[in-house]
Amino acid sequence: MSRILVVEDDPDLAFGLQDDLRTEGHEVELARDGPTGATRARQEHWDLILLDVMLPGRDGFEICRDVRRAGLRTPIVMLTARAGEAEKVLGLELGADDYVTKPFSPRELRARVKAALRRSSADPSEVYRFGDVEVDFRRAELRRGGVALEATSLELKLLGTFIRNRGRVLSRDQLLEAAWGHGTFVTDRTVDHHIVNLRRKIEPRPEEPCYLVSVRGIGYRFDG
């Protein structure tokens, strides 16, 4: 059973999608506006996000961009009444995996959903290994030496951001936006606190980190 987030403000379409996908055996949650959809997309692990473009509060393009900036590789299928090539290209360039134009048939959407889930399950980059550490993003699990470790969703988001930007120095502001989201009031000290916790879990010697390296005056770099 896959977990699917549907971000759609049209109640008839939203509930229709929910019923249809549940019939297919999926677990489905609805978000009815842009800010709620953006928050839920980052808070939980999803196997797929169905994302409307025209939403109150924030549009689907913004949400797609933020999800990808957060380092999340969750498949995104965008839903839109816009049939223009420019809109489709923009969505794909922002990181969407597919684009379905309204009106669409339930059969077509089911096929697109199955294809996106199939591609995702075959993606080996969903599991990343460095040293004796293994991060399974689909299962939201962190393991070291084959032993599962407790890791919060924020720690996994931070680690995912580092892994997908390995070798690059990331500022605290970039990490704040990636893990907590735009507009959230969190201090730099909070970021440092989570980095310390991550080091305790993944570093052979947390006091002398070799993976999450501090870059004085700038931020942090992942060398895994």
Protein backbone atom coordinates (compact mmCIF):
# COMPACT_ATOMS: atom_id res chain seq x y z
CA MET A 1 0.00 0.00 0.00
CA SER A 2 1.40 3.38 -1.05
CA ARG A 3 0.85 6.64 0.82
CA ILE A 4 -0.39 9.38 -1.50
CA LEU A 5 -0.90 13.07 -0.72
CA VAL A 6 -3.50 14.79 -2.91
CA VAL A 7 -3.23 18.59 -2.92
CA GLU A 8 -6.40 19.80 -4.65
CA ASP A 9 -8.83 22.60 -3.75
CA ASP A 10 -11.80 21.40 -5.84
CA PRO A 11 -13.76 19.31 -3.30
CA ASP A 12 -15.52 17.13 -5.88
CA LEU A 13 -12.30 16.28 -7.66
CA ALA A 14 -10.37 15.83 -4.41
CA PHE A 15 -12.85 13.39 -2.87
CA GLY A 16 -13.23 11.61 -6.22
CA LEU A 17 -9.47 11.08 -6.41
CA GLN A 18 -9.39 9.93 -2.81
CA ASP A 19 -12.13 7.34 -3.36
CA ASP A 20 -10.62 6.09 -6.61
CA LEU A 21 -7.10 5.74 -5.20
CA ARG A 22 -8.35 4.06 -2.03
CA THR A 23 -10.18 1.55 -4.24
CA GLU A 24 -6.77 0.80 -5.77
CA GLY A 25 -5.47 0.02 -2.28
CA HIS A 26 -3.60 3.24 -1.53
CA GLU A 27 -3.65 5.27 1.67
CA VAL A 28 -4.72 8.80 0.72
CA GLU A 29 -4.66 12.15 2.56
CA LEU A 30 -6.15 15.38 1.21
CA ALA A 31 -4.81 18.93 1.50
CA ARG A 32 -7.17 21.65 0.29
CA ASP A 33 -4.87 24.67 -0.08
CA GLY A 34 -1.29 25.52 -0.95
CA PRO A 35 0.16 26.24 2.51
CA THR A 36 -1.35 23.06 4.00
CA GLY A 37 -0.11 21.02 1.06
CA ALA A 38 3.41 22.44 1.34
CA THR A 39 3.54 21.66 5.06
CA ARG A 40 2.18 18.13 4.78
CA ALA A 41 4.50 17.35 1.86
CA ARG A 42 7.52 18.06 4.06
CA GLN A 43 6.20 16.69 7.36
CA GLU A 44 5.48 13.11 6.32
CA HIS A 45 6.91 10.41 4.11
CA TRP A 46 4.83 10.03 0.94
CA ASP A 47 5.21 7.58 -1.91
CA LEU A 48 3.55 10.03 -4.32
CA ILE A 49 2.15 13.57 -4.37
CA LEU A 50 -0.70 14.55 -6.70
CA LEU A 51 -0.35 18.31 -6.90
CA ASP A 52 -2.80 20.78 -8.44
CA VAL A 53 -1.22 23.88 -9.99
CA MET A 54 -3.91 26.46 -9.17
CA LEU A 55 -4.27 26.47 -5.39
CA PRO A 56 -5.27 29.12 -2.84
CA GLY A 57 -2.40 30.49 -0.78
CA ARG A 58 0.49 29.00 -2.77
CA ASP A 59 0.48 27.48 -6.23
CA GLY A 60 1.67 24.02 -7.16
CA PHE A 61 4.81 25.32 -8.85
CA GLU A 62 5.99 26.88 -5.58
CA ILE A 63 5.24 23.72 -3.63
CA CYS A 64 7.06 21.52 -6.16
CA ARG A 65 10.10 23.81 -6.03
CA ASP A 66 10.15 23.79 -2.22
CA VAL A 67 9.83 20.01 -2.00
CA ARG A 68 12.80 19.56 -4.32
CA ARG A 69 14.85 22.22 -2.53
CA ALA A 70 14.22 20.31 0.67
CA GLY A 71 16.03 17.36 -0.91
CA LEU A 72 12.91 15.19 -1.13
CA ARG A 73 12.66 12.88 -4.12
CA THR A 74 9.00 11.97 -3.68
CA PRO A 75 7.39 11.49 -7.11
CA ILE A 76 5.18 14.47 -8.01
CA VAL A 77 2.41 14.30 -10.61
CA MET A 78 1.02 17.75 -11.33
CA LEU A 79 -2.65 18.31 -12.18
CA THR A 80 -3.65 21.36 -14.18
CA ALA A 81 -6.28 22.87 -16.42
CA ARG A 82 -3.49 24.63 -18.28
CA ALA A 83 -2.63 22.76 -21.45
CA GLY A 84 0.13 25.12 -22.61
CA GLU A 85 3.60 23.77 -23.28
CA ALA A 86 5.26 26.51 -21.21
CA GLU A 87 3.40 25.50 -18.04
CA LYS A 88 4.29 21.84 -18.53
CA VAL A 89 7.93 22.64 -19.15
CA LEU A 90 8.04 24.84 -16.03
CA GLY A 91 6.58 22.07 -13.86
CA LEU A 92 9.04 19.51 -15.16
CA GLU A 93 11.99 21.87 -14.76
CA LEU A 94 10.98 22.47 -11.13
CA GLY A 95 11.16 18.74 -10.49
CA ALA A 96 7.75 17.30 -11.30
CA ASP A 97 7.81 13.72 -12.60
CA ASP A 98 4.67 13.88 -14.72
CA TYR A 99 1.91 16.25 -15.81
CA VAL A 100 -1.79 15.43 -16.28
CA THR A 101 -4.11 17.95 -17.94
CA LYS A 102 -7.69 18.36 -16.73
CA PRO A 103 -10.15 16.97 -17.55
CA PHE A 104 -8.63 13.50 -17.35
CA SER A 105 -10.13 10.04 -17.06
CA PRO A 106 -9.71 8.03 -13.85
CA ARG A 107 -8.16 5.29 -15.95
CA GLU A 108 -5.48 7.63 -17.31
CA LEU A 109 -4.63 8.96 -13.86
CA ARG A 110 -4.40 5.46 -12.38
CA ALA A 111 -1.95 4.54 -15.14
CA ARG A 112 0.15 7.64 -14.47
CA VAL A 113 0.17 6.94 -10.73
CA LYS A 114 1.23 3.32 -11.24
CA ALA A 115 4.00 4.37 -13.63
CA ALA A 116 5.35 7.01 -11.21
CA LEU A 117 5.30 4.57 -8.28
CA ARG A 118 7.00 1.90 -10.38
CA ARG A 119 9.78 4.26 -11.44
CA SER A 120 10.27 5.38 -7.86
CA SER A 121 10.48 1.87 -6.44
CA ALA A 122 13.16 1.03 -9.00
CA ASP A 123 15.28 4.07 -8.13
CA PRO A 124 18.41 2.86 -6.31
CA SER A 125 19.18 6.38 -5.10
CA GLU A 126 16.34 6.02 -2.58
CA VAL A 127 18.89 4.11 -0.49
CA TYR A 128 22.19 5.86 0.17
CA ARG A 129 25.22 4.33 1.89
CA PHE A 130 28.38 5.87 3.30
CA GLY A 131 30.78 4.18 5.68
CA ASP A 132 28.70 1.76 7.74
CA VAL A 133 25.63 4.04 7.52
CA GLU A 134 22.61 3.36 5.32
CA VAL A 135 19.75 5.81 4.74
CA ASP A 136 16.54 4.38 3.28
CA PHE A 137 14.46 7.38 2.22
CA ARG A 138 11.45 5.35 1.08
CA ARG A 139 11.15 3.69 4.48
CA ALA A 140 12.38 6.78 6.37
CA GLU A 141 14.99 4.65 8.16
CA LEU A 142 18.54 5.30 9.29
CA ARG A 143 20.78 2.30 9.97
CA ARG A 144 24.36 1.96 11.13
CA GLY A 145 26.16 -1.35 11.00
CA GLY A 146 22.81 -2.92 10.09
CA VAL A 147 21.18 -1.64 13.29
CA ALA A 148 18.20 0.73 13.00
CA LEU A 149 18.67 4.08 14.71
CA GLU A 150 16.03 6.48 15.96
CA ALA A 151 15.93 9.49 13.66
CA THR A 152 13.39 12.31 13.59
CA SER A 153 11.77 13.45 10.36
CA LEU A 154 13.76 16.70 10.58
CA GLU A 155 17.03 14.81 10.96
CA LEU A 156 16.19 12.72 7.91
CA LYS A 157 15.28 15.84 5.94
CA LEU A 158 18.56 17.46 6.88
CA LEU A 159 20.53 14.35 6.02
CA GLY A 160 18.69 14.02 2.71
CA THR A 161 19.51 17.64 1.89
CA PHE A 162 23.19 17.06 2.66
CA ILE A 163 23.35 13.84 0.64
CA ARG A 164 21.75 15.40 -2.42
CA ASN A 165 24.13 18.35 -2.17
CA ARG A 166 27.22 16.37 -1.16
CA GLY A 167 30.45 18.23 -1.60
CA ARG A 168 28.68 21.62 -1.51
CA VAL A 169 28.77 24.02 1.41
CA LEU A 170 25.25 24.76 2.67
CA SER A 171 24.53 27.80 4.79
CA ARG A 172 22.28 27.63 7.84
CA ASP A 173 19.66 29.64 5.93
CA GLN A 174 19.66 27.05 3.14
CA LEU A 175 19.28 24.25 5.67
CA LEU A 176 16.49 26.10 7.47
CA GLU A 177 14.54 26.54 4.24
CA ALA A 178 15.14 22.94 3.15
CA ALA A 179 14.12 21.22 6.39
CA TRP A 180 11.77 23.63 8.15
CA GLY A 181 10.35 25.50 5.18
CA HIS A 182 10.10 29.13 4.15
CA GLY A 183 8.75 31.52 6.78
CA THR A 184 9.27 29.23 9.77
CA PHE A 185 10.85 30.98 12.76
CA VAL A 186 13.81 28.82 13.73
CA THR A 187 17.18 30.06 14.93
CA ASP A 188 20.63 29.09 13.69
CA ARG A 189 21.23 27.44 17.05
CA THR A 190 18.39 25.01 16.30
CA VAL A 191 20.17 23.94 13.11
CA ASP A 192 23.42 23.45 15.02
CA HIS A 193 21.60 21.36 17.63
CA HIS A 194 20.24 18.99 14.96
CA ILE A 195 23.66 18.74 13.32
CA VAL A 196 25.17 17.70 16.67
CA ASN A 197 22.48 15.01 17.06
CA LEU A 198 23.09 13.73 13.53
CA ARG A 199 26.82 13.54 14.14
CA ARG A 200 26.26 11.38 17.21
CA LYS A 201 24.38 8.92 15.02
CA ILE A 202 26.47 8.79 11.85
CA GLU A 203 30.02 9.81 12.73
CA PRO A 204 32.66 7.27 13.91
CA ARG A 205 34.02 10.07 16.13
CA PRO A 206 31.38 12.80 16.58
CA GLU A 207 33.92 15.14 18.18
CA GLU A 208 36.03 14.88 14.98
CA PRO A 209 33.42 14.65 12.21
CA CYS A 210 34.45 13.34 8.82
CA TYR A 211 31.03 13.38 7.11
CA LEU A 212 29.20 16.49 8.39
CA VAL A 213 32.03 18.99 8.28
CA SER A 214 31.81 22.54 9.62
CA VAL A 215 32.98 25.28 7.25
CA ARG A 216 33.89 28.24 9.43
CA GLY A 217 31.78 31.34 8.86
CA ILE A 218 29.63 29.69 6.17
CA GLY A 219 27.85 26.52 7.24
CA TYR A 220 28.27 22.78 6.73
CA ARG A 221 29.40 20.37 4.02
CA PHE A 222 28.62 16.65 3.60
CA ASP A 223 31.62 14.56 2.51
CA GLY A 224 29.98 11.13 2.42
